[in-house]
Amino acid sequence: MKKFLFITMLMCLVVSSNCQSETLDQPLLKVGDTWVYRNTIEKGTNGWNQTHDEVSVSRITSSTIYYTSKPNGSSQPAKESISGADWSRVRNVNGKETVVNKPLSFPLSPGKTWEIQYTEQEPNKAYKVETWDNKYTVIGFEMIEVPAGKFNALKIESEGQWTAELAPAQTVVQGAQSVQNSTTMITQVQKTTSSTVTGRTYKAFWYAPDVKSVEEYYNSNGVRSERFTSELESFKMTN
């Protein structure tokens, strides 16, 4: 199934009184603001991988944040990416720029909700059409501990569902059959008709600054297939 792996990099300039209030406004970011995250990827029951990634703001406009990401300590050129001014993720869907992930919707306050829905035609070779529906809810403040320290963070949860229509497929299988002194090649064509599969998603984000995010994806049998965890290790804010 398709997966979304992204690093949440949402920060107040400092853990100030504004970050402790019941309503949080969009923070003021500056070029050079930098975060280091410990990212853990779990696939199935045995797959596991962990990286340490540095993310830095390179340019800011009224509608877009331009940022770079690379392995922490690496001398290799950083990957350049963009997001919405609220760190929402936008990409081309059916020829139109579409918001596909929005962990924050400022101003934030406990009980606030918002929803992201979109349908994509032929997102990959396996799917004819795919629909995503995610609802986000601000839960409230809670104390959380990550490698960067302890923070009183505002928790946001997202629960959703994905549905996909499998594209018809054809598989050719060949084999050899020996009879007495002769060998015959046998070719079988297996056709798969269109069918529908579905699954669920769960995401959680902590913002105060944002110190942790968790994403989980479940297949049609209700079994978790992937889990992504991102934890803040350190940060540097530009004066």
Protein backbone atom coordinates (compact mmCIF):
# COMPACT_ATOMS: atom_id res chain seq x y z
CA MET A 1 0.00 0.00 0.00
CA LYS A 2 1.01 3.61 -0.39
CA LYS A 3 2.64 5.22 2.59
CA PHE A 4 3.36 8.78 3.64
CA LEU A 5 6.61 9.32 5.44
CA PHE A 6 7.31 12.87 6.44
CA ILE A 7 9.09 14.65 9.27
CA THR A 8 7.02 16.95 11.43
CA MET A 9 9.05 20.04 12.20
CA LEU A 10 6.57 22.29 13.99
CA MET A 11 8.05 24.59 16.57
CA CYS A 12 7.32 27.60 18.69
CA LEU A 13 10.40 29.80 18.95
CA VAL A 14 10.77 28.77 22.56
CA VAL A 15 8.61 26.94 25.08
CA SER A 16 6.95 30.22 26.02
CA SER A 17 3.75 31.16 27.79
CA ASN A 18 2.04 31.19 24.38
CA CYS A 19 2.90 27.51 24.01
CA GLN A 20 1.29 26.76 27.38
CA SER A 21 -2.01 28.60 26.69
CA GLU A 22 -5.23 26.87 25.69
CA THR A 23 -5.02 28.30 22.16
CA LEU A 24 -1.82 28.15 20.10
CA ASP A 25 -1.28 30.51 17.16
CA GLN A 26 0.95 29.79 14.20
CA PRO A 27 4.60 30.29 15.25
CA LEU A 28 7.04 32.66 13.61
CA LEU A 29 9.73 30.69 11.82
CA LYS A 30 13.05 32.05 10.58
CA VAL A 31 15.60 30.95 8.02
CA GLY A 32 18.16 28.74 9.77
CA ASP A 33 15.77 27.20 12.30
CA THR A 34 16.94 23.59 12.63
CA TRP A 35 15.66 20.36 14.18
CA VAL A 36 17.20 16.90 14.55
CA TYR A 37 14.79 13.94 14.68
CA ARG A 38 15.23 10.25 15.45
CA ASN A 39 13.06 8.46 12.90
CA THR A 40 12.06 4.82 13.33
CA ILE A 41 10.35 2.79 10.58
CA GLU A 42 8.66 -0.54 11.38
CA LYS A 43 7.26 -2.74 8.60
CA GLY A 44 5.32 -5.91 9.32
CA THR A 45 6.59 -7.90 12.29
CA ASN A 46 10.31 -8.03 11.49
CA GLY A 47 11.27 -4.98 9.41
CA TRP A 48 12.93 -2.17 11.39
CA ASN A 49 15.13 0.80 10.54
CA GLN A 50 16.24 3.95 12.38
CA THR A 51 17.82 7.18 11.16
CA HIS A 52 18.82 10.55 12.64
CA ASP A 53 17.80 13.40 10.34
CA GLU A 54 18.47 17.14 10.37
CA VAL A 55 15.86 19.53 8.98
CA SER A 56 16.50 23.26 8.38
CA VAL A 57 14.35 26.13 7.10
CA SER A 58 15.96 27.64 4.00
CA ARG A 59 13.32 30.13 2.81
CA ILE A 60 9.86 31.34 3.86
CA THR A 61 7.10 33.03 1.86
CA SER A 62 3.53 33.94 2.79
CA SER A 63 2.24 30.55 1.67
CA THR A 64 5.22 28.18 1.62
CA ILE A 65 8.05 26.88 3.80
CA TYR A 66 11.17 25.77 1.91
CA TYR A 67 13.34 23.38 3.93
CA THR A 68 16.21 20.94 3.56
CA SER A 69 16.74 17.52 5.12
CA LYS A 70 19.75 15.22 5.39
CA PRO A 71 21.21 12.58 7.75
CA ASN A 72 22.52 14.34 10.84
CA GLY A 73 26.25 15.00 10.51
CA SER A 74 26.35 14.11 6.81
CA SER A 75 28.47 16.18 4.42
CA GLN A 76 26.32 15.16 1.45
CA PRO A 77 24.00 17.73 -0.23
CA ALA A 78 20.68 18.06 1.56
CA LYS A 79 17.33 17.18 -0.05
CA GLU A 80 15.19 20.23 -0.77
CA SER A 81 11.44 20.11 -0.06
CA ILE A 82 8.48 22.44 0.42
CA SER A 83 5.35 22.48 2.57
CA GLY A 84 2.46 24.80 3.26
CA ALA A 85 2.90 27.66 5.73
CA ASP A 86 1.28 25.43 8.38
CA TRP A 87 3.55 22.48 7.46
CA SER A 88 0.75 20.83 5.47
CA ARG A 89 1.89 18.46 2.73
CA VAL A 90 0.79 19.25 -0.83
CA ARG A 91 1.34 17.17 -3.98
CA ASN A 92 -0.08 16.76 -7.46
CA VAL A 93 -3.28 14.67 -7.50
CA ASN A 94 -5.01 14.21 -10.86
CA GLY A 95 -3.18 17.24 -12.24
CA LYS A 96 -4.09 19.57 -9.35
CA GLU A 97 -2.11 20.58 -6.25
CA THR A 98 -3.92 18.96 -3.31
CA VAL A 99 -3.39 18.95 0.46
CA VAL A 100 -2.83 15.29 1.39
CA ASN A 101 -1.68 15.70 4.99
CA LYS A 102 -2.40 18.51 7.47
CA PRO A 103 -1.30 17.71 11.04
CA LEU A 104 -1.92 21.31 12.21
CA SER A 105 -4.67 23.84 11.61
CA PHE A 106 -3.95 27.12 13.38
CA PRO A 107 -5.07 28.41 15.77
CA LEU A 108 -5.01 25.15 17.73
CA SER A 109 -7.26 24.53 20.73
CA PRO A 110 -8.57 21.36 22.45
CA GLY A 111 -11.60 19.96 20.67
CA LYS A 112 -10.90 21.52 17.25
CA THR A 113 -11.36 19.18 14.26
CA TRP A 114 -10.66 19.27 10.51
CA GLU A 115 -10.76 16.73 7.69
CA ILE A 116 -8.68 15.86 4.61
CA GLN A 117 -10.31 13.92 1.75
CA TYR A 118 -9.13 13.21 -1.78
CA THR A 119 -9.44 10.62 -4.54
CA GLU A 120 -6.57 9.82 -6.90
CA GLN A 121 -6.85 8.12 -10.27
CA GLU A 122 -4.19 5.45 -10.99
CA PRO A 123 -1.86 6.33 -8.07
CA ASN A 124 0.31 3.31 -8.97
CA LYS A 125 0.32 0.24 -11.25
CA ALA A 126 -1.67 -1.85 -8.77
CA TYR A 127 -4.53 0.57 -8.06
CA LYS A 128 -7.06 1.93 -10.55
CA VAL A 129 -8.36 4.51 -8.08
CA GLU A 130 -7.64 5.27 -4.41
CA THR A 131 -9.52 7.37 -1.83
CA TRP A 132 -8.18 8.73 1.48
CA ASP A 133 -10.33 10.18 4.28
CA ASN A 134 -8.68 11.43 7.50
CA LYS A 135 -10.22 13.36 10.39
CA TYR A 136 -7.94 15.29 12.78
CA THR A 137 -8.86 16.13 16.38
CA VAL A 138 -6.99 18.25 18.95
CA ILE A 139 -7.08 16.12 22.10
CA GLY A 140 -5.43 18.37 24.71
CA PHE A 141 -2.18 19.01 26.56
CA GLU A 142 -0.06 16.25 28.07
CA MET A 143 3.50 15.93 29.35
CA ILE A 144 5.73 13.94 27.03
CA GLU A 145 9.40 12.96 27.17
CA VAL A 146 11.66 12.60 24.11
CA PRO A 147 15.46 12.64 23.68
CA ALA A 148 15.38 16.47 23.60
CA GLY A 149 13.72 16.65 27.04
CA LYS A 150 10.27 16.95 28.64
CA PHE A 151 7.57 19.14 27.09
CA ASN A 152 3.98 20.05 27.87
CA ALA A 153 2.63 19.27 24.41
CA LEU A 154 -0.68 19.63 22.65
CA LYS A 155 -1.71 16.26 21.22
CA ILE A 156 -3.44 15.93 17.85
CA GLU A 157 -4.83 12.59 16.64
CA SER A 158 -5.99 11.53 13.20
CA GLU A 159 -8.04 8.46 12.35
CA GLY A 160 -8.89 7.60 8.78
CA GLN A 161 -9.66 5.06 6.11
CA TRP A 162 -8.23 4.31 2.67
CA THR A 163 -10.07 2.47 -0.10
CA ALA A 164 -8.59 1.30 -3.39
CA GLU A 165 -9.89 -0.42 -6.48
CA LEU A 166 -7.36 -2.93 -7.77
CA ALA A 167 -6.63 -2.66 -11.47
CA PRO A 168 -7.25 -5.79 -13.61
CA ALA A 169 -4.01 -7.70 -14.11
CA GLN A 170 -2.70 -10.57 -16.21
CA THR A 171 0.04 -12.98 -15.14
CA VAL A 172 1.76 -15.41 -17.52
CA VAL A 173 3.18 -18.61 -16.01
CA GLN A 174 5.29 -21.02 -18.09
CA GLY A 175 6.43 -24.52 -17.27
CA ALA A 176 7.80 -27.68 -18.88
CA GLN A 177 6.10 -31.06 -18.90
CA SER A 178 8.02 -34.23 -19.87
CA VAL A 179 6.19 -37.19 -21.41
CA GLN A 180 8.34 -40.23 -22.35
CA ASN A 181 11.09 -38.84 -24.65
CA SER A 182 9.51 -35.46 -25.38
CA THR A 183 9.16 -32.20 -23.48
CA THR A 184 6.21 -29.87 -23.86
CA MET A 185 6.18 -26.21 -22.81
CA ILE A 186 2.94 -25.18 -21.10
CA THR A 187 1.85 -21.56 -20.83
CA GLN A 188 -0.93 -20.48 -18.47
CA VAL A 189 -2.48 -17.00 -18.39
CA GLN A 190 -4.00 -15.97 -15.07
CA LYS A 191 -6.29 -12.95 -15.08
CA THR A 192 -7.19 -10.95 -11.98
CA THR A 193 -10.45 -9.02 -12.10
CA SER A 194 -10.97 -5.64 -10.49
CA SER A 195 -11.71 -5.72 -6.75
CA THR A 196 -11.81 -3.33 -3.80
CA VAL A 197 -9.47 -3.32 -0.81
CA THR A 198 -9.56 -1.08 2.23
CA GLY A 199 -7.67 -0.32 5.43
CA ARG A 200 -7.33 2.18 8.26
CA THR A 201 -4.79 4.75 9.42
CA TYR A 202 -3.91 6.27 12.77
CA LYS A 203 -1.64 9.28 13.35
CA ALA A 204 -0.67 11.24 16.46
CA PHE A 205 1.32 14.47 16.75
CA TRP A 206 2.53 16.39 19.79
CA TYR A 207 3.06 20.13 19.39
CA ALA A 208 4.51 22.53 21.92
CA PRO A 209 7.10 22.62 20.10
CA ASP A 210 6.20 19.45 18.26
CA VAL A 211 8.36 16.77 19.80
CA LYS A 212 6.98 13.50 18.51
CA SER A 213 4.81 12.03 15.77
CA VAL A 214 3.47 8.52 15.16
CA GLU A 215 1.83 7.15 12.01
CA GLU A 216 0.27 3.69 11.68
CA TYR A 217 -1.23 2.02 8.61
CA TYR A 218 -3.52 -1.06 8.69
CA ASN A 219 -4.34 -3.46 5.85
CA SER A 220 -7.69 -4.95 4.83
CA ASN A 221 -7.43 -7.59 7.55
CA GLY A 222 -7.00 -4.99 10.29
CA VAL A 223 -3.31 -5.90 10.79
CA ARG A 224 -0.81 -3.08 11.21
CA SER A 225 1.48 -3.08 8.18
CA GLU A 226 3.65 -0.01 8.85
CA ARG A 227 4.51 2.30 11.73
CA PHE A 228 6.57 5.52 11.56
CA THR A 229 7.81 7.28 14.70
CA SER A 230 9.61 10.63 14.73
CA GLU A 231 11.08 12.01 17.99
CA LEU A 232 12.82 15.34 18.52
CA GLU A 233 16.46 14.98 19.61
CA SER A 234 17.58 18.63 19.51
CA PHE A 235 16.72 22.00 17.96
CA LYS A 236 18.27 25.38 17.24
CA MET A 237 16.23 28.56 16.72
CA THR A 238 17.61 31.58 14.88
CA ASN A 239 17.63 34.89 16.77
